[in-house]
Amino acid sequence: MLVDVGDTRLNVVERGPADGLPLLVLHGGPGLDHTEFGPYLDPLGEQGVRLLLVDQRAQGASDRDAPPQTWTLARMAADVDALAGALRLDAYAVLGHSFGAFVALRHALDHTRAPVATIVSSGVPSTRWMAGVGEALRAIPDPDVRARVIASFEREATVDTQDGALDLLHDQLPFHFADPHDPRIEDLMTAMRAGRMAPDVLRAGEAIAAIDLEDRLGAIAHPVLVLAGRHDKLTTAEAAAFMADRIPGAELRVFERSAHMAFVEEQAAYLQAVAGFLRRARPGAPPSPPGAAG
């Protein structure tokens, strides 16, 4: 469905029980869409979660009329508020992955009406935590994989077609998996080829994704779960621990066999962590001990 958020309409794909806890799910990128999550989050529906997979502004099947000056973390965080209002969600949670985690973290601070919970999946609190990406790229041991991945990052500045964006992503995904030859990379690409990439938003990614929220983390006043892969070289487990330590009462879960795509690499453990956290965060649920993880 297309949902009016004031100056544009956002595509939202709904899965799971209509009476479940609404979970607004924000994809990575920027420039990707909800197909990034394929079927991997769908089992949450069996845990009473109403999945609302969002194509963020000017991306996916959302209207493409949102002008570039509105492609900002602040505006996309405000879109979350607008969606919750337009969908008449009395209580809702937010899960953001990668770039979507940046938006979710900004929303956790700037919201008009607080969510019952926020899940920050493979995110960072500021851009400084990604300063080691270049070194990590040069350290990829397989020379063929290293060359393809480095070239894919270089193409981000010039990609201008749907197929070009998908090819870039295919070449880049080995960097985002603990095993660069993981066969599930192809499964994920099959899911994403059914989507609609936004190469213009992808080209603007570095400016859009600039983030610096470290000094504000202590102001978050609702439950937060921080998720990270131990082998993530883009949004590191160290950045996740920093966030969890500074967000009051935040929970931290690090997946020991994953890199950036834990919802694929360790799907069962990821779903267990998310479902357990949301059960505890629901209105009326008993409080969790500090540092607990589901």
Protein backbone atom coordinates (compact mmCIF):
# COMPACT_ATOMS: atom_id res chain seq x y z
CA MET A 1 0.00 0.00 0.00
CA LEU A 2 1.06 3.61 -0.61
CA VAL A 3 0.81 5.75 2.52
CA ASP A 4 0.71 9.55 2.40
CA VAL A 5 3.32 11.11 4.71
CA GLY A 6 2.68 14.71 3.73
CA ASP A 7 4.94 15.53 0.80
CA THR A 8 5.16 12.05 -0.75
CA ARG A 9 3.81 8.50 -0.43
CA LEU A 10 5.75 5.57 0.97
CA ASN A 11 5.22 1.96 -0.05
CA VAL A 12 4.51 -0.35 2.89
CA VAL A 13 4.26 -4.13 2.56
CA GLU A 14 2.36 -5.81 5.38
CA ARG A 15 2.95 -9.35 6.61
CA GLY A 16 1.90 -11.19 9.75
CA PRO A 17 -1.21 -10.91 11.95
CA ALA A 18 -3.27 -7.72 11.67
CA ASP A 19 -3.65 -7.61 15.45
CA GLY A 20 0.07 -8.14 16.17
CA LEU A 21 2.50 -5.55 17.49
CA PRO A 22 3.30 -3.34 14.47
CA LEU A 23 7.01 -3.36 13.59
CA LEU A 24 8.07 -0.73 11.06
CA VAL A 25 11.08 -2.22 9.24
CA LEU A 26 13.56 0.11 7.53
CA HIS A 27 15.88 -1.22 4.83
CA GLY A 28 19.54 -0.49 4.22
CA GLY A 29 21.28 1.37 1.44
CA PRO A 30 20.44 4.06 0.87
CA GLY A 31 18.98 3.11 -2.49
CA LEU A 32 17.67 -0.37 -1.68
CA ASP A 33 14.12 -1.43 -0.76
CA HIS A 34 12.16 -3.82 1.45
CA THR A 35 13.07 -6.86 -0.68
CA GLU A 36 16.42 -6.80 1.16
CA PHE A 37 14.61 -8.69 3.92
CA GLY A 38 13.25 -11.34 1.53
CA PRO A 39 11.38 -13.94 3.59
CA TYR A 40 13.92 -13.83 6.42
CA LEU A 41 11.82 -11.84 8.91
CA ASP A 42 8.49 -13.45 8.03
CA PRO A 43 8.57 -16.03 10.86
CA LEU A 44 8.18 -13.13 13.30
CA GLY A 45 4.51 -13.18 12.29
CA GLU A 46 4.18 -16.49 14.13
CA GLN A 47 5.44 -14.65 17.22
CA GLY A 48 2.63 -12.10 17.05
CA VAL A 49 4.50 -9.41 15.13
CA ARG A 50 2.78 -7.39 12.40
CA LEU A 51 5.56 -6.64 9.93
CA LEU A 52 5.31 -3.35 8.07
CA LEU A 53 8.18 -3.33 5.56
CA VAL A 54 8.82 0.24 4.44
CA ASP A 55 10.35 1.50 1.21
CA GLN A 56 11.90 4.75 2.43
CA ARG A 57 11.35 8.02 0.59
CA ALA A 58 12.25 8.03 -3.13
CA GLN A 59 13.21 4.35 -2.91
CA GLY A 60 11.63 1.03 -3.86
CA ALA A 61 7.97 1.31 -4.88
CA SER A 62 7.51 4.55 -2.95
CA ASP A 63 6.72 7.63 -5.03
CA ARG A 64 9.82 9.11 -6.66
CA ASP A 65 8.64 12.72 -6.36
CA ALA A 66 10.42 13.50 -3.05
CA PRO A 67 13.10 16.08 -3.97
CA PRO A 68 16.75 15.32 -3.19
CA GLN A 69 16.93 17.98 -0.50
CA THR A 70 14.53 15.83 1.53
CA TRP A 71 16.74 12.74 1.32
CA THR A 72 18.07 13.19 4.85
CA LEU A 73 18.20 11.15 8.03
CA ALA A 74 16.08 13.75 9.80
CA ARG A 75 13.33 13.68 7.15
CA MET A 76 13.30 9.89 6.91
CA ALA A 77 13.06 9.69 10.70
CA ALA A 78 10.11 12.09 10.55
CA ASP A 79 8.55 9.79 7.94
CA VAL A 80 8.43 7.06 10.58
CA ASP A 81 6.30 9.31 12.78
CA ALA A 82 4.10 10.19 9.80
CA LEU A 83 3.62 6.53 8.92
CA ALA A 84 2.67 5.62 12.48
CA GLY A 85 0.10 8.41 12.46
CA ALA A 86 -1.29 7.64 9.02
CA LEU A 87 -1.63 3.95 9.87
CA ARG A 88 -3.23 4.84 13.24
CA LEU A 89 -0.76 2.78 15.22
CA ASP A 90 -1.47 3.18 18.92
CA ALA A 91 1.72 1.33 19.81
CA TYR A 92 4.51 0.36 17.45
CA ALA A 93 8.15 -0.66 17.31
CA VAL A 94 10.88 0.17 14.78
CA LEU A 95 13.62 -2.05 13.34
CA GLY A 96 16.23 -0.44 11.13
CA HIS A 97 19.04 -2.34 9.43
CA SER A 98 22.30 -0.74 8.20
CA PHE A 99 21.30 2.66 6.73
CA GLY A 100 17.84 1.95 8.13
CA ALA A 101 19.47 1.63 11.55
CA PHE A 102 20.76 5.21 11.19
CA VAL A 103 17.19 6.34 10.49
CA ALA A 104 15.81 4.27 13.39
CA LEU A 105 18.39 5.72 15.79
CA ARG A 106 17.59 9.28 14.66
CA HIS A 107 13.88 8.53 15.10
CA ALA A 108 14.53 7.16 18.60
CA LEU A 109 15.78 10.65 19.47
CA ASP A 110 13.56 12.93 17.36
CA HIS A 111 10.19 11.15 17.47
CA THR A 112 6.95 12.99 18.08
CA ARG A 113 5.38 9.97 19.76
CA ALA A 114 7.79 7.41 21.16
CA PRO A 115 7.76 3.85 19.84
CA VAL A 116 7.46 1.10 22.42
CA ALA A 117 10.86 -0.17 21.25
CA THR A 118 13.64 0.45 18.73
CA ILE A 119 15.94 -2.20 17.23
CA VAL A 120 19.23 -0.94 15.81
CA SER A 121 20.55 -3.70 13.52
CA SER A 122 24.06 -3.29 12.08
CA GLY A 123 24.24 0.44 12.74
CA VAL A 124 26.65 3.03 14.11
CA PRO A 125 26.11 6.18 16.20
CA SER A 126 28.49 8.27 14.08
CA THR A 127 30.38 8.06 10.81
CA ARG A 128 33.74 7.87 12.58
CA TRP A 129 33.07 4.20 13.35
CA MET A 130 33.32 3.37 9.63
CA ALA A 131 36.76 4.90 9.16
CA GLY A 132 38.37 1.46 8.90
CA VAL A 133 36.38 0.27 5.89
CA GLY A 134 39.15 1.04 3.39
CA GLU A 135 41.68 -0.96 5.37
CA ALA A 136 39.21 -3.83 5.71
CA LEU A 137 38.66 -3.87 1.95
CA ARG A 138 42.38 -4.07 1.27
CA ALA A 139 42.65 -6.93 3.79
CA ILE A 140 40.22 -9.27 1.97
CA PRO A 141 42.40 -12.37 1.46
CA ASP A 142 40.93 -13.66 -1.81
CA PRO A 143 42.36 -11.39 -4.57
CA ASP A 144 39.43 -11.95 -6.94
CA VAL A 145 36.85 -11.16 -4.26
CA ARG A 146 38.92 -8.18 -3.11
CA ALA A 147 39.05 -6.70 -6.62
CA ARG A 148 35.29 -7.17 -7.20
CA VAL A 149 34.32 -5.68 -3.84
CA ILE A 150 36.61 -2.64 -4.14
CA ALA A 151 35.33 -1.99 -7.67
CA SER A 152 31.74 -2.21 -6.43
CA PHE A 153 32.35 0.52 -3.84
CA GLU A 154 33.96 2.69 -6.51
CA ARG A 155 30.91 2.28 -8.79
CA GLU A 156 28.56 3.72 -6.16
CA ALA A 157 29.39 7.25 -7.34
CA THR A 158 28.32 6.61 -10.94
CA VAL A 159 25.67 3.87 -10.95
CA ASP A 160 22.59 5.03 -12.88
CA THR A 161 20.44 1.99 -13.72
CA GLN A 162 18.46 -0.70 -11.93
CA ASP A 163 20.63 -3.48 -13.35
CA GLY A 164 23.78 -1.55 -12.51
CA ALA A 165 22.68 -1.16 -8.90
CA LEU A 166 21.87 -4.86 -8.62
CA ASP A 167 25.21 -5.85 -10.16
CA LEU A 168 27.01 -3.51 -7.74
CA LEU A 169 25.17 -5.06 -4.82
CA HIS A 170 25.95 -8.59 -6.00
CA ASP A 171 29.65 -7.77 -6.14
CA GLN A 172 29.56 -6.03 -2.76
CA LEU A 173 27.67 -8.63 -0.71
CA PRO A 174 30.70 -10.92 -0.13
CA PHE A 175 32.14 -8.10 2.00
CA HIS A 176 28.99 -8.13 4.11
CA PHE A 177 28.99 -11.87 4.88
CA ALA A 178 31.35 -13.61 7.28
CA ASP A 179 31.94 -16.18 4.52
CA PRO A 180 32.43 -14.29 1.23
CA HIS A 181 31.42 -17.46 -0.64
CA ASP A 182 28.25 -18.03 1.38
CA PRO A 183 25.68 -19.60 -1.00
CA ARG A 184 22.94 -17.57 0.69
CA ILE A 185 24.28 -14.50 -1.09
CA GLU A 186 22.62 -15.81 -4.26
CA ASP A 187 19.36 -16.48 -2.38
CA LEU A 188 19.35 -12.90 -1.13
CA MET A 189 20.03 -11.56 -4.61
CA THR A 190 17.11 -13.59 -5.99
CA ALA A 191 14.82 -11.85 -3.49
CA MET A 192 16.22 -8.40 -4.27
CA ARG A 193 15.93 -8.76 -8.04
CA ALA A 194 12.16 -8.63 -7.50
CA GLY A 195 12.54 -5.14 -6.02
CA ARG A 196 13.24 -1.71 -7.42
CA MET A 197 16.56 -0.08 -6.70
CA ALA A 198 17.05 3.70 -6.58
CA PRO A 199 20.44 4.41 -8.19
CA ASP A 200 20.05 8.18 -7.79
CA VAL A 201 19.60 7.79 -4.03
CA LEU A 202 22.45 5.27 -3.92
CA ARG A 203 24.78 7.77 -5.63
CA ALA A 204 23.98 10.32 -2.93
CA GLY A 205 24.55 7.75 -0.20
CA GLU A 206 27.63 9.19 1.48
CA ALA A 207 25.96 12.54 2.11
CA ILE A 208 22.60 11.03 3.09
CA ALA A 209 24.14 8.55 5.53
CA ALA A 210 26.32 11.04 7.42
CA ILE A 211 25.49 10.52 11.09
CA ASP A 212 26.73 11.93 14.39
CA LEU A 213 24.47 11.11 17.33
CA GLU A 214 26.97 9.97 19.95
CA ASP A 215 26.40 12.92 22.27
CA ARG A 216 22.63 12.37 22.27
CA LEU A 217 22.41 8.63 23.00
CA GLY A 218 21.75 9.16 26.70
CA ALA A 219 18.48 10.94 25.89
CA ILE A 220 16.77 7.82 24.49
CA ALA A 221 14.11 6.89 27.02
CA HIS A 222 12.42 3.78 25.58
CA PRO A 223 13.71 0.18 25.24
CA VAL A 224 16.43 -0.34 22.63
CA LEU A 225 18.00 -3.54 21.30
CA VAL A 226 21.34 -3.23 19.50
CA LEU A 227 22.26 -6.07 17.12
CA ALA A 228 25.61 -6.67 15.44
CA GLY A 229 27.67 -9.35 13.72
CA ARG A 230 31.04 -10.14 15.25
CA HIS A 231 32.69 -10.10 11.80
CA ASP A 232 31.00 -6.97 10.46
CA LYS A 233 33.66 -4.73 8.93
CA LEU A 234 31.31 -1.86 8.05
CA THR A 235 29.22 -1.33 11.19
CA THR A 236 31.35 -3.06 13.76
CA ALA A 237 30.50 -4.90 16.95
CA GLU A 238 32.61 -2.30 18.77
CA ALA A 239 30.30 0.45 17.53
CA ALA A 240 27.30 -1.60 18.70
CA ALA A 241 28.81 -2.03 22.17
CA PHE A 242 29.49 1.72 22.35
CA MET A 243 25.84 2.45 21.58
CA ALA A 244 24.47 -0.11 24.00
CA ASP A 245 26.70 1.21 26.78
CA ARG A 246 25.44 4.77 26.32
CA ILE A 247 21.73 4.21 25.68
CA PRO A 248 20.05 3.83 29.09
CA GLY A 249 18.95 0.23 29.67
CA ALA A 250 19.83 -0.87 26.13
CA GLU A 251 20.28 -4.56 25.35
CA LEU A 252 23.10 -5.83 23.14
CA ARG A 253 23.28 -9.01 21.10
CA VAL A 254 26.36 -9.88 19.03
CA PHE A 255 26.06 -12.78 16.57
CA GLU A 256 29.34 -14.66 16.62
CA ARG A 257 29.12 -16.25 13.15
CA SER A 258 27.82 -13.23 11.25
CA ALA A 259 29.04 -10.09 9.57
CA HIS A 260 26.65 -7.39 8.32
CA MET A 261 23.72 -9.64 7.39
CA ALA A 262 22.93 -11.53 10.59
CA PHE A 263 19.25 -11.85 9.71
CA VAL A 264 20.43 -14.10 6.85
CA GLU A 265 23.62 -15.58 8.31
CA GLU A 266 22.13 -16.55 11.69
CA GLN A 267 18.44 -16.22 10.94
CA ALA A 268 17.11 -18.36 13.81
CA ALA A 269 19.20 -16.59 16.46
CA TYR A 270 18.35 -13.18 15.00
CA LEU A 271 14.63 -13.88 15.04
CA GLN A 272 14.84 -15.23 18.58
CA ALA A 273 16.59 -12.07 19.76
CA VAL A 274 14.07 -9.78 18.06
CA ALA A 275 10.98 -11.74 19.14
CA GLY A 276 12.16 -12.02 22.75
CA PHE A 277 12.93 -8.32 22.96
CA LEU A 278 9.58 -7.31 21.48
CA ARG A 279 7.74 -9.60 23.92
CA ARG A 280 9.46 -7.84 26.81
CA ALA A 281 8.89 -4.38 25.32
CA ARG A 282 5.16 -4.76 24.70
CA PRO A 283 2.95 -2.52 26.82
CA GLY A 284 2.21 -4.29 30.09
CA ALA A 285 5.13 -6.73 29.81
CA PRO A 286 7.23 -7.28 32.96
CA PRO A 287 10.53 -5.34 32.99
CA SER A 288 13.72 -7.04 31.85
CA PRO A 289 16.92 -7.11 33.89
CA PRO A 290 19.57 -4.67 32.59
CA GLY A 291 21.61 -6.08 29.71
CA ALA A 292 19.24 -9.00 29.04
CA ALA A 293 18.95 -10.35 25.52
CA GLY A 294 16.31 -12.63 24.07
